[in-house]
Amino acid sequence: MKLSEIVRNLELNVIYMDEDYEIRGGIVSDLLSFVMAHAPEDSVWVTIQTHVNTIAVAVLTGIKSIIFVSGQNPNEETVKKAKEEKIALLITKDNAFNVVGKLYSLGIKGVDRLQ
């Protein structure tokens, strides 16, 4: 599913989105080490963590987009790094549980990365 379809269906606010990536899976976690170990490539990450380290984790794992939930907003440093690395940043006031349910209903499943 294209990222633009997710944005439209979940009514997400776009902070930064340079490309309309094909999203093949998803992960939800606020623990960076868990995401590093389990995130599939070409995925969307649902989290409340908004600091710049989220971008490093996304680059490391091949995550294409981060959805910040519960009204959390990234700082300027995070947005700047996301633009450099071409990681889409999206926000919603909705909570993580609801966002993941909506993603699942759209066909975005959580799939462990092969290790």
PDB file of N, CA and C in Angstrom:
ATOM      1  N   MET A   1       0.843  -1.175   0.000  1.00  0.00           N
ATOM      2  CA  MET A   1       0.000   0.000   0.000  1.00  0.00           C
ATOM      3  C   MET A   1       0.891   1.241   0.000  1.00  0.00           C
ATOM      4  N   LYS A   2       0.498   2.200  -0.768  1.00  0.00           N
ATOM      5  CA  LYS A   2       1.242   3.448  -0.839  1.00  0.00           C
ATOM      6  C   LYS A   2       1.054   4.259   0.446  1.00  0.00           C
ATOM      7  N   LEU A   3       2.108   4.957   0.830  1.00  0.00           N
ATOM      8  CA  LEU A   3       2.070   5.787   2.026  1.00  0.00           C
ATOM      9  C   LEU A   3       0.975   6.852   1.937  1.00  0.00           C
ATOM     10  N   SER A   4       0.763   7.402   0.763  1.00  0.00           N
ATOM     11  CA  SER A   4      -0.274   8.426   0.596  1.00  0.00           C
ATOM     12  C   SER A   4      -1.662   7.877   0.927  1.00  0.00           C
ATOM     13  N   GLU A   5      -1.904   6.600   0.648  1.00  0.00           N
ATOM     14  CA  GLU A   5      -3.183   5.981   0.984  1.00  0.00           C
ATOM     15  C   GLU A   5      -3.345   5.870   2.497  1.00  0.00           C
ATOM     16  N   ILE A   6      -2.252   5.548   3.189  1.00  0.00           N
ATOM     17  CA  ILE A   6      -2.282   5.475   4.649  1.00  0.00           C
ATOM     18  C   ILE A   6      -2.567   6.848   5.228  1.00  0.00           C
ATOM     19  N   VAL A   7      -1.882   7.860   4.717  1.00  0.00           N
ATOM     20  CA  VAL A   7      -2.083   9.241   5.187  1.00  0.00           C
ATOM     21  C   VAL A   7      -3.542   9.642   5.025  1.00  0.00           C
ATOM     22  N   ARG A   8      -4.102   9.348   3.866  1.00  0.00           N
ATOM     23  CA  ARG A   8      -5.487   9.727   3.585  1.00  0.00           C
ATOM     24  C   ARG A   8      -6.469   8.953   4.470  1.00  0.00           C
ATOM     25  N   ASN A   9      -6.308   7.644   4.555  1.00  0.00           N
ATOM     26  CA  ASN A   9      -7.242   6.809   5.305  1.00  0.00           C
ATOM     27  C   ASN A   9      -7.200   7.050   6.809  1.00  0.00           C
ATOM     28  N   LEU A  10      -6.018   7.351   7.345  1.00  0.00           N
ATOM     29  CA  LEU A  10      -5.883   7.594   8.776  1.00  0.00           C
ATOM     30  C   LEU A  10      -5.988   9.084   9.124  1.00  0.00           C
ATOM     31  N   GLU A  11      -6.140   9.914   8.096  1.00  0.00           N
ATOM     32  CA  GLU A  11      -6.225  11.363   8.270  1.00  0.00           C
ATOM     33  C   GLU A  11      -5.035  11.892   9.076  1.00  0.00           C
ATOM     34  N   LEU A  12      -3.840  11.501   8.634  1.00  0.00           N
ATOM     35  CA  LEU A  12      -2.615  11.900   9.310  1.00  0.00           C
ATOM     36  C   LEU A  12      -2.170  13.282   8.836  1.00  0.00           C
ATOM     37  N   ASN A  13      -1.504  14.004   9.706  1.00  0.00           N
ATOM     38  CA  ASN A  13      -0.883  15.271   9.339  1.00  0.00           C
ATOM     39  C   ASN A  13       0.549  14.993   8.910  1.00  0.00           C
ATOM     40  N   VAL A  14       0.923  15.527   7.772  1.00  0.00           N
ATOM     41  CA  VAL A  14       2.255  15.302   7.222  1.00  0.00           C
ATOM     42  C   VAL A  14       3.194  16.400   7.705  1.00  0.00           C
ATOM     43  N   ILE A  15       4.266  15.982   8.369  1.00  0.00           N
ATOM     44  CA  ILE A  15       5.333  16.912   8.732  1.00  0.00           C
ATOM     45  C   ILE A  15       6.337  16.969   7.592  1.00  0.00           C
ATOM     46  N   TYR A  16       6.679  15.787   7.084  1.00  0.00           N
ATOM     47  CA  TYR A  16       7.595  15.680   5.952  1.00  0.00           C
ATOM     48  C   TYR A  16       7.300  14.393   5.209  1.00  0.00           C
ATOM     49  N   MET A  17       7.180  14.502   3.890  1.00  0.00           N
ATOM     50  CA  MET A  17       7.010  13.323   3.044  1.00  0.00           C
ATOM     51  C   MET A  17       7.508  13.691   1.655  1.00  0.00           C
ATOM     52  N   ASP A  18       8.650  13.147   1.287  1.00  0.00           N
ATOM     53  CA  ASP A  18       9.265  13.472   0.005  1.00  0.00           C
ATOM     54  C   ASP A  18       8.830  12.493  -1.086  1.00  0.00           C
ATOM     55  N   GLU A  19       8.681  11.220  -0.723  1.00  0.00           N
ATOM     56  CA  GLU A  19       8.330  10.189  -1.691  1.00  0.00           C
ATOM     57  C   GLU A  19       7.096   9.431  -1.227  1.00  0.00           C
ATOM     58  N   ASP A  20       6.383   8.857  -2.177  1.00  0.00           N
ATOM     59  CA  ASP A  20       5.203   8.062  -1.860  1.00  0.00           C
ATOM     60  C   ASP A  20       5.617   6.587  -1.825  1.00  0.00           C
ATOM     61  N   TYR A  21       6.217   6.194  -0.714  1.00  0.00           N
ATOM     62  CA  TYR A  21       6.760   4.854  -0.566  1.00  0.00           C
ATOM     63  C   TYR A  21       5.688   3.778  -0.575  1.00  0.00           C
ATOM     64  N   GLU A  22       6.064   2.595  -1.009  1.00  0.00           N
ATOM     65  CA  GLU A  22       5.248   1.398  -0.859  1.00  0.00           C
ATOM     66  C   GLU A  22       5.533   0.856   0.545  1.00  0.00           C
ATOM     67  N   ILE A  23       4.500   0.756   1.368  1.00  0.00           N
ATOM     68  CA  ILE A  23       4.647   0.262   2.737  1.00  0.00           C
ATOM     69  C   ILE A  23       4.244  -1.208   2.764  1.00  0.00           C
ATOM     70  N   ARG A  24       5.149  -2.062   3.245  1.00  0.00           N
ATOM     71  CA  ARG A  24       4.929  -3.510   3.206  1.00  0.00           C
ATOM     72  C   ARG A  24       4.659  -4.137   4.571  1.00  0.00           C
ATOM     73  N   GLY A  25       4.830  -3.366   5.631  1.00  0.00           N
ATOM     74  CA  GLY A  25       4.609  -3.897   6.966  1.00  0.00           C
ATOM     75  C   GLY A  25       4.651  -2.779   7.982  1.00  0.00           C
ATOM     76  N   GLY A  26       4.520  -3.151   9.238  1.00  0.00           N
ATOM     77  CA  GLY A  26       4.536  -2.145  10.271  1.00  0.00           C
ATOM     78  C   GLY A  26       5.043  -2.682  11.592  1.00  0.00           C
ATOM     79  N   ILE A  27       5.368  -1.749  12.464  1.00  0.00           N
ATOM     80  CA  ILE A  27       5.814  -2.088  13.811  1.00  0.00           C
ATOM     81  C   ILE A  27       5.351  -0.983  14.760  1.00  0.00           C
ATOM     82  N   VAL A  28       5.026  -1.373  15.979  1.00  0.00           N
ATOM     83  CA  VAL A  28       4.671  -0.394  17.004  1.00  0.00           C
ATOM     84  C   VAL A  28       5.495  -0.695  18.245  1.00  0.00           C
ATOM     85  N   SER A  29       6.240   0.293  18.690  1.00  0.00           N
ATOM     86  CA  SER A  29       7.041   0.145  19.904  1.00  0.00           C
ATOM     87  C   SER A  29       7.673   1.489  20.223  1.00  0.00           C
ATOM     88  N   ASP A  30       7.893   1.707  21.509  1.00  0.00           N
ATOM     89  CA  ASP A  30       8.618   2.891  21.948  1.00  0.00           C
ATOM     90  C   ASP A  30      10.029   2.531  22.416  1.00  0.00           C
ATOM     91  N   LEU A  31      10.359   1.260  22.329  1.00  0.00           N
ATOM     92  CA  LEU A  31      11.674   0.778  22.730  1.00  0.00           C
ATOM     93  C   LEU A  31      12.552   0.636  21.479  1.00  0.00           C
ATOM     94  N   LEU A  32      13.524   1.520  21.342  1.00  0.00           N
ATOM     95  CA  LEU A  32      14.327   1.574  20.126  1.00  0.00           C
ATOM     96  C   LEU A  32      15.046   0.268  19.827  1.00  0.00           C
ATOM     97  N   SER A  33      15.565  -0.396  20.851  1.00  0.00           N
ATOM     98  CA  SER A  33      16.287  -1.654  20.615  1.00  0.00           C
ATOM     99  C   SER A  33      15.355  -2.736  20.071  1.00  0.00           C
ATOM    100  N   PHE A  34      14.101  -2.738  20.492  1.00  0.00           N
ATOM    101  CA  PHE A  34      13.127  -3.696  19.968  1.00  0.00           C
ATOM    102  C   PHE A  34      12.866  -3.427  18.488  1.00  0.00           C
ATOM    103  N   VAL A  35      12.709  -2.172  18.144  1.00  0.00           N
ATOM    104  CA  VAL A  35      12.472  -1.802  16.748  1.00  0.00           C
ATOM    105  C   VAL A  35      13.676  -2.191  15.900  1.00  0.00           C
ATOM    106  N   MET A  36      14.881  -1.949  16.398  1.00  0.00           N
ATOM    107  CA  MET A  36      16.087  -2.324  15.645  1.00  0.00           C
ATOM    108  C   MET A  36      16.141  -3.820  15.385  1.00  0.00           C
ATOM    109  N   ALA A  37      15.668  -4.615  16.304  1.00  0.00           N
ATOM    110  CA  ALA A  37      15.734  -6.070  16.169  1.00  0.00           C
ATOM    111  C   ALA A  37      14.592  -6.650  15.345  1.00  0.00           C
ATOM    112  N   HIS A  38      13.459  -5.948  15.255  1.00  0.00           N
ATOM    113  CA  HIS A  38      12.269  -6.578  14.677  1.00  0.00           C
ATOM    114  C   HIS A  38      11.600  -5.849  13.523  1.00  0.00           C
ATOM    115  N   ALA A  39      11.962  -4.637  13.229  1.00  0.00           N
ATOM    116  CA  ALA A  39      11.259  -3.890  12.179  1.00  0.00           C
ATOM    117  C   ALA A  39      11.561  -4.440  10.796  1.00  0.00           C
ATOM    118  N   PRO A  40      10.514  -4.696  10.017  1.00  0.00           N
ATOM    119  CA  PRO A  40      10.740  -5.108   8.636  1.00  0.00           C
ATOM    120  C   PRO A  40      11.111  -3.895   7.771  1.00  0.00           C
ATOM    121  N   GLU A  41      11.830  -4.150   6.687  1.00  0.00           N
ATOM    122  CA  GLU A  41      12.142  -3.070   5.750  1.00  0.00           C
ATOM    123  C   GLU A  41      10.862  -2.572   5.099  1.00  0.00           C
ATOM    124  N   ASP A  42      10.920  -1.352   4.602  1.00  0.00           N
ATOM    125  CA  ASP A  42       9.786  -0.744   3.895  1.00  0.00           C
ATOM    126  C   ASP A  42       8.537  -0.711   4.763  1.00  0.00           C
ATOM    127  N   SER A  43       8.731  -0.381   6.025  1.00  0.00           N
ATOM    128  CA  SER A  43       7.610  -0.407   6.968  1.00  0.00           C
ATOM    129  C   SER A  43       7.298   0.979   7.508  1.00  0.00           C
ATOM    130  N   VAL A  44       6.211   1.016   8.258  1.00  0.00           N
ATOM    131  CA  VAL A  44       5.791   2.202   8.988  1.00  0.00           C
ATOM    132  C   VAL A  44       5.950   1.887  10.479  1.00  0.00           C
ATOM    133  N   TRP A  45       6.445   2.855  11.228  1.00  0.00           N
ATOM    134  CA  TRP A  45       6.692   2.694  12.661  1.00  0.00           C
ATOM    135  C   TRP A  45       5.764   3.622  13.427  1.00  0.00           C
ATOM    136  N   VAL A  46       5.025   3.071  14.360  1.00  0.00           N
ATOM    137  CA  VAL A  46       4.110   3.831  15.203  1.00  0.00           C
ATOM    138  C   VAL A  46       4.754   3.985  16.579  1.00  0.00           C
ATOM    139  N   THR A  47       4.919   5.234  17.047  1.00  0.00           N
ATOM    140  CA  THR A  47       5.620   5.485  18.305  1.00  0.00           C
ATOM    141  C   THR A  47       5.263   6.854  18.882  1.00  0.00           C
ATOM    142  N   ILE A  48       5.583   7.025  20.159  1.00  0.00           N
ATOM    143  CA  ILE A  48       5.508   8.360  20.770  1.00  0.00           C
ATOM    144  C   ILE A  48       6.896   8.999  20.854  1.00  0.00           C
ATOM    145  N   GLN A  49       7.936   8.231  20.551  1.00  0.00           N
ATOM    146  CA  GLN A  49       9.312   8.737  20.623  1.00  0.00           C
ATOM    147  C   GLN A  49       9.553   9.705  19.472  1.00  0.00           C
ATOM    148  N   THR A  50       9.912  10.938  19.779  1.00  0.00           N
ATOM    149  CA  THR A  50      10.058  11.960  18.739  1.00  0.00           C
ATOM    150  C   THR A  50      11.484  12.491  18.582  1.00  0.00           C
ATOM    151  N   HIS A  51      12.418  11.968  19.331  1.00  0.00           N
ATOM    152  CA  HIS A  51      13.786  12.489  19.287  1.00  0.00           C
ATOM    153  C   HIS A  51      14.532  11.996  18.047  1.00  0.00           C
ATOM    154  N   VAL A  52      15.676  12.591  17.794  1.00  0.00           N
ATOM    155  CA  VAL A  52      16.437  12.341  16.570  1.00  0.00           C
ATOM    156  C   VAL A  52      16.904  10.884  16.446  1.00  0.00           C
ATOM    157  N   ASN A  53      17.040  10.183  17.547  1.00  0.00           N
ATOM    158  CA  ASN A  53      17.465   8.775  17.465  1.00  0.00           C
ATOM    159  C   ASN A  53      16.473   7.902  16.715  1.00  0.00           C
ATOM    160  N   THR A  54      15.208   8.330  16.646  1.00  0.00           N
ATOM    161  CA  THR A  54      14.237   7.552  15.871  1.00  0.00           C
ATOM    162  C   THR A  54      14.623   7.516  14.394  1.00  0.00           C
ATOM    163  N   ILE A  55      15.204   8.575  13.917  1.00  0.00           N
ATOM    164  CA  ILE A  55      15.614   8.624  12.511  1.00  0.00           C
ATOM    165  C   ILE A  55      16.770   7.667  12.270  1.00  0.00           C
ATOM    166  N   ALA A  56      17.715   7.618  13.193  1.00  0.00           N
ATOM    167  CA  ALA A  56      18.836   6.676  13.064  1.00  0.00           C
ATOM    168  C   ALA A  56      18.333   5.235  13.032  1.00  0.00           C
ATOM    169  N   VAL A  57      17.373   4.912  13.878  1.00  0.00           N
ATOM    170  CA  VAL A  57      16.800   3.568  13.901  1.00  0.00           C
ATOM    171  C   VAL A  57      16.081   3.278  12.590  1.00  0.00           C
ATOM    172  N   ALA A  58      15.343   4.247  12.076  1.00  0.00           N
ATOM    173  CA  ALA A  58      14.644   4.063  10.808  1.00  0.00           C
ATOM    174  C   ALA A  58      15.621   3.776   9.673  1.00  0.00           C
ATOM    175  N   VAL A  59      16.696   4.520   9.615  1.00  0.00           N
ATOM    176  CA  VAL A  59      17.707   4.316   8.573  1.00  0.00           C
ATOM    177  C   VAL A  59      18.332   2.934   8.707  1.00  0.00           C
ATOM    178  N   LEU A  60      18.671   2.557   9.912  1.00  0.00           N
ATOM    179  CA  LEU A  60      19.311   1.266  10.171  1.00  0.00           C
ATOM    180  C   LEU A  60      18.436   0.090   9.734  1.00  0.00           C
ATOM    181  N   THR A  61      17.143   0.199   9.934  1.00  0.00           N
ATOM    182  CA  THR A  61      16.232  -0.915   9.697  1.00  0.00           C
ATOM    183  C   THR A  61      15.527  -0.881   8.349  1.00  0.00           C
ATOM    184  N   GLY A  62      15.576   0.237   7.663  1.00  0.00           N
ATOM    185  CA  GLY A  62      14.871   0.363   6.395  1.00  0.00           C
ATOM    186  C   GLY A  62      13.431   0.819   6.545  1.00  0.00           C
ATOM    187  N   ILE A  63      13.088   1.366   7.707  1.00  0.00           N
ATOM    188  CA  ILE A  63      11.758   1.946   7.923  1.00  0.00           C
ATOM    189  C   ILE A  63      11.627   3.169   7.026  1.00  0.00           C
ATOM    190  N   LYS A  64      10.483   3.312   6.362  1.00  0.00           N
ATOM    191  CA  LYS A  64      10.269   4.422   5.433  1.00  0.00           C
ATOM    192  C   LYS A  64       9.473   5.578   6.027  1.00  0.00           C
ATOM    193  N   SER A  65       8.741   5.302   7.117  1.00  0.00           N
ATOM    194  CA  SER A  65       7.844   6.316   7.656  1.00  0.00           C
ATOM    195  C   SER A  65       7.644   6.112   9.148  1.00  0.00           C
ATOM    196  N   ILE A  66       7.530   7.211   9.861  1.00  0.00           N
ATOM    197  CA  ILE A  66       7.246   7.165  11.299  1.00  0.00           C
ATOM    198  C   ILE A  66       5.956   7.937  11.544  1.00  0.00           C
ATOM    199  N   ILE A  67       5.033   7.309  12.274  1.00  0.00           N
ATOM    200  CA  ILE A  67       3.813   7.983  12.713  1.00  0.00           C
ATOM    201  C   ILE A  67       3.961   8.270  14.200  1.00  0.00           C
ATOM    202  N   PHE A  68       4.002   9.551  14.544  1.00  0.00           N
ATOM    203  CA  PHE A  68       4.050   9.962  15.937  1.00  0.00           C
ATOM    204  C   PHE A  68       2.607  10.094  16.426  1.00  0.00           C
ATOM    205  N   VAL A  69       2.272   9.378  17.478  1.00  0.00           N
ATOM    206  CA  VAL A  69       0.893   9.306  17.967  1.00  0.00           C
ATOM    207  C   VAL A  69       0.686  10.143  19.225  1.00  0.00           C
ATOM    208  N   SER A  70      -0.553  10.219  19.649  1.00  0.00           N
ATOM    209  CA  SER A  70      -0.955  10.921  20.875  1.00  0.00           C
ATOM    210  C   SER A  70      -0.537  12.386  20.873  1.00  0.00           C
ATOM    211  N   GLY A  71      -0.512  12.988  19.684  1.00  0.00           N
ATOM    212  CA  GLY A  71      -0.207  14.409  19.572  1.00  0.00           C
ATOM    213  C   GLY A  71       1.245  14.777  19.771  1.00  0.00           C
ATOM    214  N   GLN A  72       2.141  13.811  19.753  1.00  0.00           N
ATOM    215  CA  GLN A  72       3.573  14.092  19.943  1.00  0.00           C
ATOM    216  C   GLN A  72       4.157  14.711  18.678  1.00  0.00           C
ATOM    217  N   ASN A  73       4.972  15.732  18.842  1.00  0.00           N
ATOM    218  CA  ASN A  73       5.595  16.435  17.719  1.00  0.00           C
ATOM    219  C   ASN A  73       7.108  16.361  17.815  1.00  0.00           C
ATOM    220  N   PRO A  74       7.772  16.029  16.725  1.00  0.00           N
ATOM    221  CA  PRO A  74       9.236  15.989  16.748  1.00  0.00           C
ATOM    222  C   PRO A  74       9.823  17.397  16.769  1.00  0.00           C
ATOM    223  N   ASN A  75      11.036  17.487  17.303  1.00  0.00           N
ATOM    224  CA  ASN A  75      11.712  18.783  17.332  1.00  0.00           C
ATOM    225  C   ASN A  75      12.372  19.068  15.975  1.00  0.00           C
ATOM    226  N   GLU A  76      12.920  20.257  15.839  1.00  0.00           N
ATOM    227  CA  GLU A  76      13.525  20.682  14.568  1.00  0.00           C
ATOM    228  C   GLU A  76      14.674  19.781  14.138  1.00  0.00           C
ATOM    229  N   GLU A  77      15.476  19.337  15.089  1.00  0.00           N
ATOM    230  CA  GLU A  77      16.605  18.460  14.774  1.00  0.00           C
ATOM    231  C   GLU A  77      16.122  17.149  14.158  1.00  0.00           C
ATOM    232  N   THR A  78      15.054  16.584  14.703  1.00  0.00           N
ATOM    233  CA  THR A  78      14.496  15.338  14.178  1.00  0.00           C
ATOM    234  C   THR A  78      13.965  15.537  12.764  1.00  0.00           C
ATOM    235  N   VAL A  79      13.253  16.616  12.546  1.00  0.00           N
ATOM    236  CA  VAL A  79      12.697  16.896  11.218  1.00  0.00           C
ATOM    237  C   VAL A  79      13.815  17.109  10.203  1.00  0.00           C
ATOM    238  N   LYS A  80      14.838  17.845  10.593  1.00  0.00           N
ATOM    239  CA  LYS A  80      15.977  18.095   9.696  1.00  0.00           C
ATOM    240  C   LYS A  80      16.652  16.785   9.296  1.00  0.00           C
ATOM    241  N   LYS A  81      16.884  15.913  10.260  1.00  0.00           N
ATOM    242  CA  LYS A  81      17.538  14.630   9.978  1.00  0.00           C
ATOM    243  C   LYS A  81      16.636  13.746   9.113  1.00  0.00           C
ATOM    244  N   ALA A  82      15.333  13.766   9.367  1.00  0.00           N
ATOM    245  CA  ALA A  82      14.391  12.985   8.551  1.00  0.00           C
ATOM    246  C   ALA A  82      14.448  13.430   7.094  1.00  0.00           C
ATOM    247  N   LYS A  83      14.530  14.713   6.864  1.00  0.00           N
ATOM    248  CA  LYS A  83      14.629  15.231   5.497  1.00  0.00           C
ATOM    249  C   LYS A  83      15.921  14.777   4.833  1.00  0.00           C
ATOM    250  N   GLU A  84      17.012  14.814   5.572  1.00  0.00           N
ATOM    251  CA  GLU A  84      18.299  14.356   5.032  1.00  0.00           C
ATOM    252  C   GLU A  84      18.239  12.885   4.634  1.00  0.00           C
ATOM    253  N   GLU A  85      17.550  12.086   5.442  1.00  0.00           N
ATOM    254  CA  GLU A  85      17.504  10.636   5.231  1.00  0.00           C
ATOM    255  C   GLU A  85      16.264  10.177   4.457  1.00  0.00           C
ATOM    256  N   LYS A  86      15.398  11.126   4.124  1.00  0.00           N
ATOM    257  CA  LYS A  86      14.159  10.842   3.378  1.00  0.00           C
ATOM    258  C   LYS A  86      13.243   9.857   4.110  1.00  0.00           C
ATOM    259  N   ILE A  87      13.074  10.106   5.411  1.00  0.00           N
ATOM    260  CA  ILE A  87      12.153   9.331   6.243  1.00  0.00           C
ATOM    261  C   ILE A  87      10.893  10.184   6.432  1.00  0.00           C
ATOM    262  N   ALA A  88       9.752   9.683   5.990  1.00  0.00           N
ATOM    263  CA  ALA A  88       8.502  10.427   6.123  1.00  0.00           C
ATOM    264  C   ALA A  88       8.102  10.519   7.594  1.00  0.00           C
ATOM    265  N   LEU A  89       7.637  11.700   7.995  1.00  0.00           N
ATOM    266  CA  LEU A  89       7.176  11.932   9.362  1.00  0.00           C
ATOM    267  C   LEU A  89       5.718  12.363   9.336  1.00  0.00           C
ATOM    268  N   LEU A  90       4.913  11.667  10.119  1.00  0.00           N
ATOM    269  CA  LEU A  90       3.472  11.904  10.167  1.00  0.00           C
ATOM    270  C   LEU A  90       3.044  12.000  11.614  1.00  0.00           C
ATOM    271  N   ILE A  91       1.988  12.765  11.883  1.00  0.00           N
ATOM    272  CA  ILE A  91       1.498  12.865  13.263  1.00  0.00           C
ATOM    273  C   ILE A  91      -0.022  12.713  13.305  1.00  0.00           C
ATOM    274  N   THR A  92      -0.468  12.287  14.474  1.00  0.00           N
ATOM    275  CA  THR A  92      -1.898  12.176  14.740  1.00  0.00           C
ATOM    276  C   THR A  92      -2.137  12.364  16.232  1.00  0.00           C
ATOM    277  N   LYS A  93      -3.321  12.832  16.569  1.00  0.00           N
ATOM    278  CA  LYS A  93      -3.708  12.928  17.971  1.00  0.00           C
ATOM    279  C   LYS A  93      -4.217  11.590  18.488  1.00  0.00           C
ATOM    280  N   ASP A  94      -4.507  10.673  17.566  1.00  0.00           N
ATOM    281  CA  ASP A  94      -5.002   9.349  17.933  1.00  0.00           C
ATOM    282  C   ASP A  94      -3.917   8.579  18.693  1.00  0.00           C
ATOM    283  N   ASN A  95      -4.329   7.623  19.515  1.00  0.00           N
ATOM    284  CA  ASN A  95      -3.348   6.839  20.277  1.00  0.00           C
ATOM    285  C   ASN A  95      -2.827   5.660  19.461  1.00  0.00           C
ATOM    286  N   ALA A  96      -1.747   5.059  19.913  1.00  0.00           N
ATOM    287  CA  ALA A  96      -1.075   3.988  19.183  1.00  0.00           C
ATOM    288  C   ALA A  96      -1.994   2.791  18.954  1.00  0.00           C
ATOM    289  N   PHE A  97      -2.779   2.424  19.935  1.00  0.00           N
ATOM    290  CA  PHE A  97      -3.664   1.270  19.818  1.00  0.00           C
ATOM    291  C   PHE A  97      -4.630   1.452  18.650  1.00  0.00           C
ATOM    292  N   ASN A  98      -5.252   2.604  18.579  1.00  0.00           N
ATOM    293  CA  ASN A  98      -6.201   2.878  17.504  1.00  0.00           C
ATOM    294  C   ASN A  98      -5.524   2.955  16.143  1.00  0.00           C
ATOM    295  N   VAL A  99      -4.354   3.583  16.091  1.00  0.00           N
ATOM    296  CA  VAL A  99      -3.631   3.708  14.825  1.00  0.00           C
ATOM    297  C   VAL A  99      -3.249   2.333  14.287  1.00  0.00           C
ATOM    298  N   VAL A 100      -2.747   1.476  15.141  1.00  0.00           N
ATOM    299  CA  VAL A 100      -2.351   0.140  14.701  1.00  0.00           C
ATOM    300  C   VAL A 100      -3.579  -0.655  14.223  1.00  0.00           C
ATOM    301  N   GLY A 101      -4.696  -0.510  14.923  1.00  0.00           N
ATOM    302  CA  GLY A 101      -5.916  -1.173  14.482  1.00  0.00           C
ATOM    303  C   GLY A 101      -6.342  -0.714  13.093  1.00  0.00           C
ATOM    304  N   LYS A 102      -6.231   0.573  12.841  1.00  0.00           N
ATOM    305  CA  LYS A 102      -6.588   1.113  11.526  1.00  0.00           C
ATOM    306  C   LYS A 102      -5.626   0.623  10.445  1.00  0.00           C
ATOM    307  N   LEU A 103      -4.337   0.599  10.761  1.00  0.00           N
ATOM    308  CA  LEU A 103      -3.355   0.091   9.796  1.00  0.00           C
ATOM    309  C   LEU A 103      -3.641  -1.375   9.463  1.00  0.00           C
ATOM    310  N   TYR A 104      -3.943  -2.151  10.484  1.00  0.00           N
ATOM    311  CA  TYR A 104      -4.238  -3.568  10.284  1.00  0.00           C
ATOM    312  C   TYR A 104      -5.468  -3.741   9.383  1.00  0.00           C
ATOM    313  N   SER A 105      -6.476  -2.922   9.613  1.00  0.00           N
ATOM    314  CA  SER A 105      -7.689  -3.028   8.793  1.00  0.00           C
ATOM    315  C   SER A 105      -7.429  -2.634   7.340  1.00  0.00           C
ATOM    316  N   LEU A 106      -6.372  -1.852   7.097  1.00  0.00           N
ATOM    317  CA  LEU A 106      -5.976  -1.497   5.735  1.00  0.00           C
ATOM    318  C   LEU A 106      -5.091  -2.562   5.086  1.00  0.00           C
ATOM    319  N   GLY A 107      -4.721  -3.571   5.863  1.00  0.00           N
ATOM    320  CA  GLY A 107      -3.889  -4.643   5.323  1.00  0.00           C
ATOM    321  C   GLY A 107      -2.420  -4.541   5.679  1.00  0.00           C
ATOM    322  N   ILE A 108      -2.044  -3.577   6.504  1.00  0.00           N
ATOM    323  CA  ILE A 108      -0.653  -3.440   6.941  1.00  0.00           C
ATOM    324  C   ILE A 108      -0.476  -4.345   8.157  1.00  0.00           C
ATOM    325  N   LYS A 109       0.350  -5.346   8.008  1.00  0.00           N
ATOM    326  CA  LYS A 109       0.553  -6.334   9.062  1.00  0.00           C
ATOM    327  C   LYS A 109       1.947  -6.167   9.680  1.00  0.00           C
ATOM    328  N   GLY A 110       2.073  -6.636  10.898  1.00  0.00           N
ATOM    329  CA  GLY A 110       3.376  -6.682  11.544  1.00  0.00           C
ATOM    330  C   GLY A 110       4.066  -7.980  11.178  1.00  0.00           C
ATOM    331  N   VAL A 111       5.234  -7.861  10.579  1.00  0.00           N
ATOM    332  CA  VAL A 111       5.989  -9.035  10.151  1.00  0.00           C
ATOM    333  C   VAL A 111       7.405  -8.902  10.685  1.00  0.00           C
ATOM    334  N   ASP A 112       7.869  -9.895  11.435  1.00  0.00           N
ATOM    335  CA  ASP A 112       9.234  -9.838  11.927  1.00  0.00           C
ATOM    336  C   ASP A 112      10.226  -9.859  10.786  1.00  0.00           C
ATOM    337  N   ARG A 113      11.266  -9.081  10.944  1.00  0.00           N
ATOM    338  CA  ARG A 113      12.351  -9.070   9.987  1.00  0.00           C
ATOM    339  C   ARG A 113      13.119 -10.380  10.104  1.00  0.00           C
ATOM    340  N   LEU A 114      13.506 -10.921   8.964  1.00  0.00           N
ATOM    341  CA  LEU A 114      14.321 -12.138   8.991  1.00  0.00           C
ATOM    342  C   LEU A 114      15.683 -11.811   9.566  1.00  0.00           C
ATOM    343  N   GLN A 115      16.136 -12.673  10.478  1.00  0.00           N
ATOM    344  CA  GLN A 115      17.425 -12.402  11.116  1.00  0.00           C
ATOM    345  C   GLN A 115      18.412 -13.493  10.849  1.00  0.00           C
TER     346      GLN A 115
END
